[in-house]
Amino acid sequence: MIGNIGPLEIGIVLIIALVVFGPKRLPDLGHSLGKGIREFKGSVTGESDEPARVESVRVEARPVTTHRVEDTTPAPTQH
């Protein structure tokens, strides 16, 4: 009867996991387990569930000035 897992056995395993890991870490463990299974499945089948990532472009920002900058070039002379 090793291959026959029913709802009672699943409930017992969930209760033991709740006692061992606590209610705060259990959702994180479930998320990590699901992500690991998806990555394993993707590596076996050669598929990926993740959308293609676009690399971000870094833009250099100019510092913001709080004072007024005056134009110091001389005015053109008229003849």
C-alpha atoms as a PDB file:
ATOM      1  CA  MET A   1       0.000   0.000   0.000  1.00  0.00           C
ATOM      2  CA  ILE A   2       2.887   2.363  -0.553  1.00  0.00           C
ATOM      3  CA  GLY A   3       1.389   3.985  -3.684  1.00  0.00           C
ATOM      4  CA  ASN A   4      -2.039   4.577  -2.151  1.00  0.00           C
ATOM      5  CA  ILE A   5      -2.055   8.086  -0.612  1.00  0.00           C
ATOM      6  CA  GLY A   6      -5.437   9.339   0.562  1.00  0.00           C
ATOM      7  CA  PRO A   7      -6.734  12.551   2.084  1.00  0.00           C
ATOM      8  CA  LEU A   8      -5.996  11.348   5.619  1.00  0.00           C
ATOM      9  CA  GLU A   9      -2.296  10.855   4.869  1.00  0.00           C
ATOM     10  CA  ILE A  10      -2.066  14.246   3.136  1.00  0.00           C
ATOM     11  CA  GLY A  11      -3.710  15.907   6.145  1.00  0.00           C
ATOM     12  CA  ILE A  12      -1.281  14.240   8.551  1.00  0.00           C
ATOM     13  CA  VAL A  13       1.716  15.405   6.475  1.00  0.00           C
ATOM     14  CA  LEU A  14       0.341  18.976   6.361  1.00  0.00           C
ATOM     15  CA  ILE A  15      -0.201  19.039  10.132  1.00  0.00           C
ATOM     16  CA  ILE A  16       3.345  17.773  10.759  1.00  0.00           C
ATOM     17  CA  ALA A  17       4.736  20.404   8.344  1.00  0.00           C
ATOM     18  CA  LEU A  18       2.747  23.124  10.129  1.00  0.00           C
ATOM     19  CA  VAL A  19       4.109  22.054  13.521  1.00  0.00           C
ATOM     20  CA  VAL A  20       7.709  21.724  12.315  1.00  0.00           C
ATOM     21  CA  PHE A  21       7.997  24.876  10.189  1.00  0.00           C
ATOM     22  CA  GLY A  22       5.371  27.139  11.739  1.00  0.00           C
ATOM     23  CA  PRO A  23       2.604  29.149  10.086  1.00  0.00           C
ATOM     24  CA  LYS A  24       4.878  31.997   8.947  1.00  0.00           C
ATOM     25  CA  ARG A  25       7.396  29.912   6.970  1.00  0.00           C
ATOM     26  CA  LEU A  26       4.918  27.448   5.443  1.00  0.00           C
ATOM     27  CA  PRO A  27       3.755  29.753   2.568  1.00  0.00           C
ATOM     28  CA  ASP A  28       7.387  30.554   1.694  1.00  0.00           C
ATOM     29  CA  LEU A  29       8.222  26.847   1.612  1.00  0.00           C
ATOM     30  CA  GLY A  30       5.230  26.151  -0.641  1.00  0.00           C
ATOM     31  CA  HIS A  31       6.283  28.945  -3.003  1.00  0.00           C
ATOM     32  CA  SER A  32       9.862  27.676  -3.124  1.00  0.00           C
ATOM     33  CA  LEU A  33       8.728  24.103  -3.695  1.00  0.00           C
ATOM     34  CA  GLY A  34       6.416  25.143  -6.550  1.00  0.00           C
ATOM     35  CA  LYS A  35       9.155  27.228  -8.168  1.00  0.00           C
ATOM     36  CA  GLY A  36      11.603  24.351  -7.900  1.00  0.00           C
ATOM     37  CA  ILE A  37       9.152  21.918  -9.486  1.00  0.00           C
ATOM     38  CA  ARG A  38       8.481  24.361 -12.360  1.00  0.00           C
ATOM     39  CA  GLU A  39      12.218  24.857 -12.960  1.00  0.00           C
ATOM     40  CA  PHE A  40      12.841  21.093 -12.898  1.00  0.00           C
ATOM     41  CA  LYS A  41       9.966  20.461 -15.296  1.00  0.00           C
ATOM     42  CA  GLY A  42      11.224  23.216 -17.610  1.00  0.00           C
ATOM     43  CA  SER A  43      14.758  21.842 -17.643  1.00  0.00           C
ATOM     44  CA  VAL A  44      13.519  18.321 -18.436  1.00  0.00           C
ATOM     45  CA  THR A  45      11.143  19.389 -21.217  1.00  0.00           C
ATOM     46  CA  GLY A  46      13.264  22.279 -22.499  1.00  0.00           C
ATOM     47  CA  GLU A  47      10.449  24.795 -22.022  1.00  0.00           C
ATOM     48  CA  SER A  48      10.218  27.882 -19.859  1.00  0.00           C
ATOM     49  CA  ASP A  49       7.096  29.335 -18.206  1.00  0.00           C
ATOM     50  CA  GLU A  50       8.797  32.674 -17.525  1.00  0.00           C
ATOM     51  CA  PRO A  51       8.319  35.537 -19.986  1.00  0.00           C
ATOM     52  CA  ALA A  52      11.376  36.805 -21.834  1.00  0.00           C
ATOM     53  CA  ARG A  53      13.232  39.334 -19.718  1.00  0.00           C
ATOM     54  CA  VAL A  54      14.228  42.678 -21.116  1.00  0.00           C
ATOM     55  CA  GLU A  55      17.444  44.123 -19.782  1.00  0.00           C
ATOM     56  CA  SER A  56      17.040  47.561 -18.314  1.00  0.00           C
ATOM     57  CA  VAL A  57      18.959  50.470 -19.737  1.00  0.00           C
ATOM     58  CA  ARG A  58      20.723  52.604 -17.180  1.00  0.00           C
ATOM     59  CA  VAL A  59      20.255  56.309 -17.766  1.00  0.00           C
ATOM     60  CA  GLU A  60      22.588  58.750 -16.089  1.00  0.00           C
ATOM     61  CA  ALA A  61      20.571  61.413 -14.319  1.00  0.00           C
ATOM     62  CA  ARG A  62      21.775  64.992 -14.087  1.00  0.00           C
ATOM     63  CA  PRO A  63      21.818  66.504 -10.636  1.00  0.00           C
ATOM     64  CA  VAL A  64      18.992  68.883  -9.885  1.00  0.00           C
ATOM     65  CA  THR A  65      20.106  72.437  -9.151  1.00  0.00           C
ATOM     66  CA  THR A  66      18.166  74.711  -6.877  1.00  0.00           C
ATOM     67  CA  HIS A  67      19.724  77.970  -7.995  1.00  0.00           C
ATOM     68  CA  ARG A  68      19.384  79.916 -11.193  1.00  0.00           C
ATOM     69  CA  VAL A  69      22.278  79.688 -13.609  1.00  0.00           C
ATOM     70  CA  GLU A  70      22.959  82.966 -15.418  1.00  0.00           C
ATOM     71  CA  ASP A  71      24.287  83.140 -18.957  1.00  0.00           C
ATOM     72  CA  THR A  72      27.739  84.737 -18.692  1.00  0.00           C
ATOM     73  CA  THR A  73      28.493  85.017 -22.408  1.00  0.00           C
ATOM     74  CA  PRO A  74      28.743  88.598 -23.663  1.00  0.00           C
ATOM     75  CA  ALA A  75      25.893  89.918 -25.751  1.00  0.00           C
ATOM     76  CA  PRO A  76      26.646  90.328 -29.453  1.00  0.00           C
ATOM     77  CA  THR A  77      27.384  93.923 -30.490  1.00  0.00           C
ATOM     78  CA  GLN A  78      25.439  95.599 -33.230  1.00  0.00           C
ATOM     79  CA  HIS A  79      27.221  97.723 -35.837  1.00  0.00           C
END
